[in-house]
Amino acid sequence: MVKDLKAEGGSDSWLVRRPPRLGDEVYNAIYAQLMTLKIPPGGRISVDSLVRELGVSQTPIREALSRLEALGLVVKTHLIGYSAASQMDKARLQQLYELRLLLEPFAASRAALAMSDDAIEMLEKIDHEMRTTHHEDPRQAYGQFAQSDSTFHDLIAIGSGNVLIHETLTRLHTHVHLFRLFFHARATADANDEHARIIAAIKQKDAALAEAAMRDHIERSRKRFMVIFGGE
């Protein structure tokens, strides 16, 4: 990766600017480590270690950690530094799904009636990326899938036209915390099939079918993740 550099003997106008995507690359790298538990829940995050590992300066590292802190994946403690957020427990997971079942099926039904063709096309694009994304490290691919899954559900919430539903789901940061619970490649394949049924219902402008498809998806997702705690 490119480091922050300054031309020798030059003024500030000769600074070599970081490529626009460098910040995103650093963010994605740390995000993947958190999602796949390479950095475990509650684990200390050393900025210096990340500098050495990723080959960048502290600036993009700290920028990425600030973004991750906003997502609730990273906690910054005064005089101590950064650490990974604690893991979600069974009670919190159950409550999260109860809220999703109240909000997301309704959002999908509204999206079926309100989403524009351009928005549906974007939904299909995200779905395609989730099916075709490959990475040498399957855990990196899993992290990318989690981000795309979040975007998929976010687009439907926006498409519902209900700003409060979208804001509520955004504040929960549902998907980043769910996918951090465990690494399971099969779960991604199952989710893809369920997403396809949701998209089909939205394209048909069938509100009832979209609501049912989203409810089924969330119920199945709940069962997949509750296995971690020994059952439903």
Protein backbone atom coordinates (compact mmCIF):
# COMPACT_ATOMS: atom_id res chain seq x y z
CA MET A 1 0.00 0.00 0.00
CA VAL A 2 1.00 3.59 -0.50
CA LYS A 3 2.26 5.45 2.53
CA ASP A 4 1.93 9.14 3.33
CA LEU A 5 5.08 10.73 1.93
CA LYS A 6 6.57 14.18 1.58
CA ALA A 7 8.99 15.05 -1.20
CA GLU A 8 12.44 15.76 0.16
CA GLY A 9 13.29 19.42 0.32
CA GLY A 10 9.86 20.42 -0.96
CA SER A 11 7.04 22.48 0.42
CA ASP A 12 3.62 21.28 1.41
CA SER A 13 2.55 21.60 -2.21
CA TRP A 14 4.76 18.61 -2.97
CA LEU A 15 3.00 16.31 -0.56
CA VAL A 16 2.12 13.00 -2.14
CA ARG A 17 -1.56 12.66 -1.40
CA ARG A 18 -3.03 9.38 -0.26
CA PRO A 19 -5.08 7.70 -2.96
CA PRO A 20 -8.81 8.27 -2.29
CA ARG A 21 -9.38 4.54 -1.87
CA LEU A 22 -6.60 3.99 0.66
CA GLY A 23 -8.83 4.97 3.57
CA ASP A 24 -11.49 2.52 2.41
CA GLU A 25 -8.91 -0.25 1.96
CA VAL A 26 -7.62 0.24 5.50
CA TYR A 27 -11.16 0.40 6.86
CA ASN A 28 -12.13 -2.81 5.04
CA ALA A 29 -9.01 -4.61 6.28
CA ILE A 30 -9.69 -3.77 9.94
CA TYR A 31 -13.41 -4.39 9.49
CA ALA A 32 -12.66 -7.91 8.21
CA GLN A 33 -10.43 -8.62 11.21
CA LEU A 34 -13.22 -7.59 13.57
CA MET A 35 -15.93 -9.49 11.74
CA THR A 36 -13.95 -12.72 11.54
CA LEU A 37 -12.76 -12.40 15.14
CA LYS A 38 -9.09 -12.15 14.23
CA ILE A 39 -9.44 -9.23 16.62
CA PRO A 40 -11.59 -10.89 19.31
CA PRO A 41 -14.44 -9.17 21.18
CA GLY A 42 -12.96 -7.00 23.91
CA GLY A 43 -9.45 -7.39 22.45
CA ARG A 44 -7.05 -4.46 22.47
CA ILE A 45 -6.36 -2.84 19.11
CA SER A 46 -2.81 -1.61 18.71
CA VAL A 47 -2.46 1.24 16.21
CA ASP A 48 1.28 0.61 15.94
CA SER A 49 0.71 -3.08 15.16
CA LEU A 50 -1.78 -2.18 12.44
CA VAL A 51 0.69 0.33 11.00
CA ARG A 52 3.27 -2.43 10.63
CA GLU A 53 0.81 -5.02 9.39
CA LEU A 54 -0.95 -2.86 6.78
CA GLY A 55 2.06 -0.79 5.74
CA VAL A 56 0.41 2.60 6.16
CA SER A 57 0.80 5.58 8.48
CA GLN A 58 -1.25 6.13 11.62
CA THR A 59 -3.56 8.63 9.90
CA PRO A 60 -5.68 6.20 7.82
CA ILE A 61 -5.62 3.71 10.71
CA ARG A 62 -7.11 6.24 13.12
CA GLU A 63 -9.61 7.41 10.52
CA ALA A 64 -10.76 3.82 10.02
CA LEU A 65 -11.02 3.20 13.77
CA SER A 66 -13.17 6.32 14.15
CA ARG A 67 -15.53 5.01 11.45
CA LEU A 68 -15.67 1.62 13.16
CA GLU A 69 -16.33 3.29 16.49
CA ALA A 70 -19.38 4.98 14.92
CA LEU A 71 -20.60 1.51 13.89
CA GLY A 72 -20.26 0.24 17.43
CA LEU A 73 -17.56 -2.26 16.48
CA VAL A 74 -14.76 -0.38 18.23
CA VAL A 75 -14.62 1.29 21.64
CA LYS A 76 -12.21 4.10 22.47
CA THR A 77 -11.31 4.49 26.14
CA HIS A 78 -9.55 7.58 27.47
CA LEU A 79 -5.87 6.94 28.28
CA ILE A 80 -6.20 3.31 27.21
CA GLY A 81 -6.90 3.37 23.50
CA TYR A 82 -8.98 1.25 21.17
CA SER A 83 -10.52 -2.16 21.71
CA ALA A 84 -13.05 -4.35 19.92
CA ALA A 85 -16.60 -4.05 21.21
CA SER A 86 -18.01 -6.80 23.39
CA GLN A 87 -19.97 -9.59 21.72
CA MET A 88 -23.76 -9.67 21.61
CA ASP A 89 -25.35 -12.06 24.12
CA LYS A 90 -28.37 -14.32 23.62
CA ALA A 91 -30.91 -11.96 25.21
CA ARG A 92 -29.72 -9.03 23.10
CA LEU A 93 -29.83 -11.15 19.96
CA GLN A 94 -33.39 -12.26 20.68
CA GLN A 95 -34.49 -8.67 21.27
CA LEU A 96 -32.80 -7.56 18.07
CA TYR A 97 -34.75 -10.10 16.04
CA GLU A 98 -38.01 -9.20 17.73
CA LEU A 99 -37.49 -5.61 16.59
CA ARG A 100 -36.45 -6.65 13.08
CA LEU A 101 -39.60 -8.75 12.73
CA LEU A 102 -41.68 -5.71 13.64
CA LEU A 103 -39.97 -3.34 11.21
CA GLU A 104 -38.40 -5.07 8.23
CA PRO A 105 -41.35 -7.08 6.83
CA PHE A 106 -43.41 -3.89 6.83
CA ALA A 107 -40.53 -2.00 5.19
CA ALA A 108 -40.33 -4.65 2.47
CA SER A 109 -44.07 -4.44 1.80
CA ARG A 110 -43.85 -0.67 1.45
CA ALA A 111 -40.73 -0.95 -0.72
CA ALA A 112 -42.61 -3.22 -3.11
CA LEU A 113 -45.01 -0.36 -3.74
CA ALA A 114 -42.62 2.57 -3.57
CA MET A 115 -39.16 1.57 -4.85
CA SER A 116 -38.13 3.07 -8.17
CA ASP A 117 -36.75 0.98 -11.01
CA ASP A 118 -33.30 2.50 -10.39
CA ALA A 119 -33.43 1.52 -6.71
CA ILE A 120 -34.48 -2.03 -7.60
CA GLU A 121 -31.64 -2.20 -10.10
CA MET A 122 -29.22 -1.20 -7.33
CA LEU A 123 -30.71 -3.90 -5.10
CA GLU A 124 -30.08 -6.47 -7.83
CA LYS A 125 -26.53 -5.20 -8.28
CA ILE A 126 -25.78 -5.66 -4.57
CA ASP A 127 -27.33 -9.12 -4.69
CA HIS A 128 -25.14 -10.03 -7.68
CA GLU A 129 -22.02 -8.81 -5.88
CA MET A 130 -22.88 -10.93 -2.86
CA ARG A 131 -23.17 -14.02 -5.04
CA THR A 132 -20.01 -13.46 -7.05
CA THR A 133 -17.54 -11.92 -4.60
CA HIS A 134 -14.48 -14.11 -4.22
CA HIS A 135 -11.37 -13.65 -2.12
CA GLU A 136 -8.31 -15.77 -1.48
CA ASP A 137 -9.11 -15.57 2.22
CA PRO A 138 -12.67 -16.83 2.81
CA ARG A 139 -12.87 -14.78 5.99
CA GLN A 140 -12.13 -11.61 4.02
CA ALA A 141 -14.92 -12.59 1.63
CA TYR A 142 -17.22 -13.12 4.61
CA GLY A 143 -16.47 -9.61 5.86
CA GLN A 144 -17.31 -8.21 2.42
CA PHE A 145 -20.53 -10.23 2.39
CA ALA A 146 -21.53 -8.75 5.74
CA GLN A 147 -21.06 -5.21 4.41
CA SER A 148 -23.07 -5.98 1.29
CA ASP A 149 -25.82 -7.63 3.34
CA SER A 150 -26.10 -4.49 5.43
CA THR A 151 -26.36 -2.38 2.26
CA PHE A 152 -29.03 -4.72 0.86
CA HIS A 153 -31.30 -4.32 3.88
CA ASP A 154 -30.52 -0.61 4.09
CA LEU A 155 -31.71 -0.07 0.51
CA ILE A 156 -35.01 -1.78 1.29
CA ALA A 157 -35.49 0.34 4.42
CA ILE A 158 -34.82 3.49 2.37
CA GLY A 159 -37.12 2.20 -0.38
CA SER A 160 -39.97 1.89 2.10
CA GLY A 161 -40.16 5.67 2.19
CA ASN A 162 -40.38 5.54 6.00
CA VAL A 163 -37.52 7.64 7.33
CA LEU A 164 -38.03 6.57 10.95
CA ILE A 165 -37.76 2.87 10.10
CA HIS A 166 -34.56 3.52 8.18
CA GLU A 167 -33.07 5.62 10.98
CA THR A 168 -33.98 3.04 13.62
CA LEU A 169 -32.43 0.14 11.73
CA THR A 170 -29.33 2.21 10.91
CA ARG A 171 -28.73 3.03 14.56
CA LEU A 172 -28.92 -0.65 15.48
CA HIS A 173 -26.06 -1.55 13.10
CA THR A 174 -27.78 -4.92 12.96
CA HIS A 175 -25.73 -6.75 10.39
CA VAL A 176 -22.25 -5.91 11.53
CA HIS A 177 -23.03 -7.30 14.97
CA LEU A 178 -24.84 -10.36 13.67
CA PHE A 179 -22.13 -11.43 11.29
CA ARG A 180 -19.48 -10.93 13.94
CA LEU A 181 -21.12 -13.68 15.99
CA PHE A 182 -19.72 -16.46 13.87
CA PHE A 183 -18.11 -17.40 10.56
CA HIS A 184 -20.25 -19.77 8.53
CA ALA A 185 -19.98 -19.96 4.75
CA ARG A 186 -23.26 -21.88 4.43
CA ALA A 187 -25.14 -18.98 5.97
CA THR A 188 -24.15 -16.74 3.07
CA ALA A 189 -25.54 -19.17 0.48
CA ASP A 190 -28.83 -19.49 2.36
CA ALA A 191 -29.13 -15.72 2.68
CA ASN A 192 -28.56 -15.29 -1.07
CA ASP A 193 -31.49 -17.58 -1.87
CA GLU A 194 -33.73 -15.71 0.56
CA HIS A 195 -32.67 -12.35 -0.86
CA ALA A 196 -33.62 -13.53 -4.35
CA ARG A 197 -37.18 -14.20 -3.19
CA ILE A 198 -37.41 -10.74 -1.62
CA ILE A 199 -36.19 -9.06 -4.82
CA ALA A 200 -38.62 -11.06 -6.94
CA ALA A 201 -41.55 -9.95 -4.78
CA ILE A 202 -40.48 -6.30 -4.88
CA LYS A 203 -40.09 -6.43 -8.67
CA GLN A 204 -43.61 -7.85 -8.91
CA LYS A 205 -44.87 -4.93 -6.80
CA ASP A 206 -46.47 -7.54 -4.55
CA ALA A 207 -46.52 -6.02 -1.06
CA ALA A 208 -47.90 -9.11 0.69
CA LEU A 209 -45.38 -11.43 -0.94
CA ALA A 210 -42.49 -9.06 -0.15
CA GLU A 211 -43.58 -8.87 3.48
CA ALA A 212 -43.79 -12.67 3.72
CA ALA A 213 -40.42 -13.17 2.02
CA MET A 214 -38.71 -10.73 4.38
CA ARG A 215 -40.36 -12.30 7.43
CA ASP A 216 -39.21 -15.76 6.32
CA HIS A 217 -35.68 -14.45 5.73
CA ILE A 218 -35.45 -12.90 9.20
CA GLU A 219 -36.89 -15.98 10.90
CA ARG A 220 -34.38 -18.21 9.12
CA SER A 221 -31.57 -15.81 9.93
CA ARG A 222 -32.57 -15.86 13.60
CA LYS A 223 -32.38 -19.66 13.66
CA ARG A 224 -28.95 -19.62 12.00
CA PHE A 225 -27.50 -17.23 14.54
CA MET A 226 -29.24 -18.65 17.62
CA VAL A 227 -27.40 -21.94 17.00
CA ILE A 228 -24.39 -20.21 18.54
CA PHE A 229 -26.20 -20.14 21.86
CA GLY A 230 -27.37 -23.72 21.66
CA GLY A 231 -30.79 -23.34 20.11
CA GLU A 232 -33.60 -20.96 19.24
